[in-house]
């Protein structure tokens, strides 16, 4: 089993979630995805359907996605190590 690079997955998921939050925030300025922004605004302080609010949501999204990516890679590496040790 291969190991995942924790930093790489953290940055990749951070960037991906950041872009999703950015486009959802900007889209909600025109009436698309307003409910998503409303729900995520209850978690991300300052996330609003405005230009600057979407940038704030993107920053929160990067932090949230990076933490989630690091946790996923860390858990995966532990499980992969246990399966490799079980084979030997």
C-alpha atoms as a PDB file:
ATOM      1  CA  UNK A   1       0.000   0.000   0.000  1.00  0.00           C
ATOM      2  CA  UNK A   2       1.199   3.484  -0.813  1.00  0.00           C
ATOM      3  CA  UNK A   3       1.424   6.301   1.718  1.00  0.00           C
ATOM      4  CA  UNK A   4      -0.339   9.580   1.103  1.00  0.00           C
ATOM      5  CA  UNK A   5       1.580  12.801   1.446  1.00  0.00           C
ATOM      6  CA  UNK A   6      -0.268  14.525   4.300  1.00  0.00           C
ATOM      7  CA  UNK A   7       0.794  18.063   3.336  1.00  0.00           C
ATOM      8  CA  UNK A   8      -0.061  17.584  -0.327  1.00  0.00           C
ATOM      9  CA  UNK A   9      -3.537  16.231   0.359  1.00  0.00           C
ATOM     10  CA  UNK A  10      -4.160  18.954   2.944  1.00  0.00           C
ATOM     11  CA  UNK A  11      -3.249  21.705   0.473  1.00  0.00           C
ATOM     12  CA  UNK A  12      -5.172  20.065  -2.384  1.00  0.00           C
ATOM     13  CA  UNK A  13      -8.395  19.681  -0.407  1.00  0.00           C
ATOM     14  CA  UNK A  14      -7.921  23.126   1.111  1.00  0.00           C
ATOM     15  CA  UNK A  15      -7.682  24.731  -2.317  1.00  0.00           C
ATOM     16  CA  UNK A  16     -10.600  22.683  -3.665  1.00  0.00           C
ATOM     17  CA  UNK A  17     -12.937  23.560  -0.782  1.00  0.00           C
ATOM     18  CA  UNK A  18     -11.782  27.174  -0.877  1.00  0.00           C
ATOM     19  CA  UNK A  19     -12.689  27.488  -4.552  1.00  0.00           C
ATOM     20  CA  UNK A  20     -16.060  25.826  -3.910  1.00  0.00           C
ATOM     21  CA  UNK A  21     -16.863  28.304  -1.120  1.00  0.00           C
ATOM     22  CA  UNK A  22     -15.686  31.218  -3.248  1.00  0.00           C
ATOM     23  CA  UNK A  23     -17.869  30.329  -6.227  1.00  0.00           C
ATOM     24  CA  UNK A  24     -20.842  29.476  -4.009  1.00  0.00           C
ATOM     25  CA  UNK A  25     -20.530  32.890  -2.346  1.00  0.00           C
ATOM     26  CA  UNK A  26     -20.241  34.736  -5.613  1.00  0.00           C
ATOM     27  CA  UNK A  27     -23.003  32.667  -7.195  1.00  0.00           C
ATOM     28  CA  UNK A  28     -25.331  33.433  -4.320  1.00  0.00           C
ATOM     29  CA  UNK A  29     -24.980  37.135  -5.144  1.00  0.00           C
ATOM     30  CA  UNK A  30     -27.011  36.298  -8.258  1.00  0.00           C
ATOM     31  CA  UNK A  31     -29.479  33.923  -6.590  1.00  0.00           C
ATOM     32  CA  UNK A  32     -27.684  30.571  -7.008  1.00  0.00           C
ATOM     33  CA  UNK A  33     -26.792  28.501  -3.961  1.00  0.00           C
ATOM     34  CA  UNK A  34     -28.128  30.937  -1.398  1.00  0.00           C
ATOM     35  CA  UNK A  35     -29.186  28.144   0.979  1.00  0.00           C
ATOM     36  CA  UNK A  36     -25.680  26.648   0.932  1.00  0.00           C
ATOM     37  CA  UNK A  37     -24.158  30.002   1.832  1.00  0.00           C
ATOM     38  CA  UNK A  38     -26.788  30.480   4.521  1.00  0.00           C
ATOM     39  CA  UNK A  39     -25.952  27.123   6.114  1.00  0.00           C
ATOM     40  CA  UNK A  40     -22.186  27.553   5.795  1.00  0.00           C
ATOM     41  CA  UNK A  41     -22.439  31.100   7.208  1.00  0.00           C
ATOM     42  CA  UNK A  42     -23.587  29.509  10.457  1.00  0.00           C
ATOM     43  CA  UNK A  43     -20.192  27.764  10.580  1.00  0.00           C
ATOM     44  CA  UNK A  44     -17.878  30.243   8.838  1.00  0.00           C
ATOM     45  CA  UNK A  45     -17.870  33.632  10.578  1.00  0.00           C
ATOM     46  CA  UNK A  46     -18.179  36.466   8.059  1.00  0.00           C
ATOM     47  CA  UNK A  47     -19.285  34.313   5.112  1.00  0.00           C
ATOM     48  CA  UNK A  48     -21.956  36.284   3.265  1.00  0.00           C
ATOM     49  CA  UNK A  49     -23.280  36.457  -0.304  1.00  0.00           C
ATOM     50  CA  UNK A  50     -21.072  39.440  -1.157  1.00  0.00           C
ATOM     51  CA  UNK A  51     -17.737  39.803  -2.915  1.00  0.00           C
ATOM     52  CA  UNK A  52     -15.784  40.222   0.332  1.00  0.00           C
ATOM     53  CA  UNK A  53     -17.925  37.724   2.215  1.00  0.00           C
ATOM     54  CA  UNK A  54     -17.121  35.096  -0.408  1.00  0.00           C
ATOM     55  CA  UNK A  55     -13.393  35.797   0.031  1.00  0.00           C
ATOM     56  CA  UNK A  56     -13.765  35.354   3.789  1.00  0.00           C
ATOM     57  CA  UNK A  57     -15.636  32.093   3.162  1.00  0.00           C
ATOM     58  CA  UNK A  58     -12.839  30.981   0.845  1.00  0.00           C
ATOM     59  CA  UNK A  59     -10.281  31.570   3.601  1.00  0.00           C
ATOM     60  CA  UNK A  60     -12.361  29.553   6.053  1.00  0.00           C
ATOM     61  CA  UNK A  61     -12.854  26.908   3.370  1.00  0.00           C
ATOM     62  CA  UNK A  62      -9.119  26.570   2.858  1.00  0.00           C
ATOM     63  CA  UNK A  63      -8.508  26.121   6.578  1.00  0.00           C
ATOM     64  CA  UNK A  64     -11.371  23.648   6.917  1.00  0.00           C
ATOM     65  CA  UNK A  65     -10.407  21.685   3.796  1.00  0.00           C
ATOM     66  CA  UNK A  66      -6.741  21.562   4.783  1.00  0.00           C
ATOM     67  CA  UNK A  67      -7.534  20.215   8.245  1.00  0.00           C
ATOM     68  CA  UNK A  68      -9.907  17.660   6.739  1.00  0.00           C
ATOM     69  CA  UNK A  69      -7.340  16.604   4.126  1.00  0.00           C
ATOM     70  CA  UNK A  70      -4.630  16.182   6.742  1.00  0.00           C
ATOM     71  CA  UNK A  71      -6.922  14.046   8.890  1.00  0.00           C
ATOM     72  CA  UNK A  72      -7.953  11.891   5.924  1.00  0.00           C
ATOM     73  CA  UNK A  73      -4.316  11.318   4.863  1.00  0.00           C
ATOM     74  CA  UNK A  74      -3.204  10.626   8.440  1.00  0.00           C
ATOM     75  CA  UNK A  75      -5.948   8.033   9.016  1.00  0.00           C
ATOM     76  CA  UNK A  76      -5.350   6.469   5.605  1.00  0.00           C
ATOM     77  CA  UNK A  77      -1.616   6.106   6.328  1.00  0.00           C
ATOM     78  CA  UNK A  78      -2.348   4.417   9.656  1.00  0.00           C
ATOM     79  CA  UNK A  79      -4.755   1.951   8.039  1.00  0.00           C
ATOM     80  CA  UNK A  80      -2.378   1.308   5.125  1.00  0.00           C
ATOM     81  CA  UNK A  81       0.475   0.629   7.575  1.00  0.00           C
ATOM     82  CA  UNK A  82      -1.641  -1.869   9.521  1.00  0.00           C
ATOM     83  CA  UNK A  83      -2.680  -3.717   6.353  1.00  0.00           C
ATOM     84  CA  UNK A  84       0.936  -3.872   5.152  1.00  0.00           C
ATOM     85  CA  UNK A  85       2.082  -5.217   8.535  1.00  0.00           C
ATOM     86  CA  UNK A  86      -0.698  -7.819   8.470  1.00  0.00           C
ATOM     87  CA  UNK A  87       0.499  -9.144   5.079  1.00  0.00           C
ATOM     88  CA  UNK A  88       4.082  -9.692   6.203  1.00  0.00           C
END
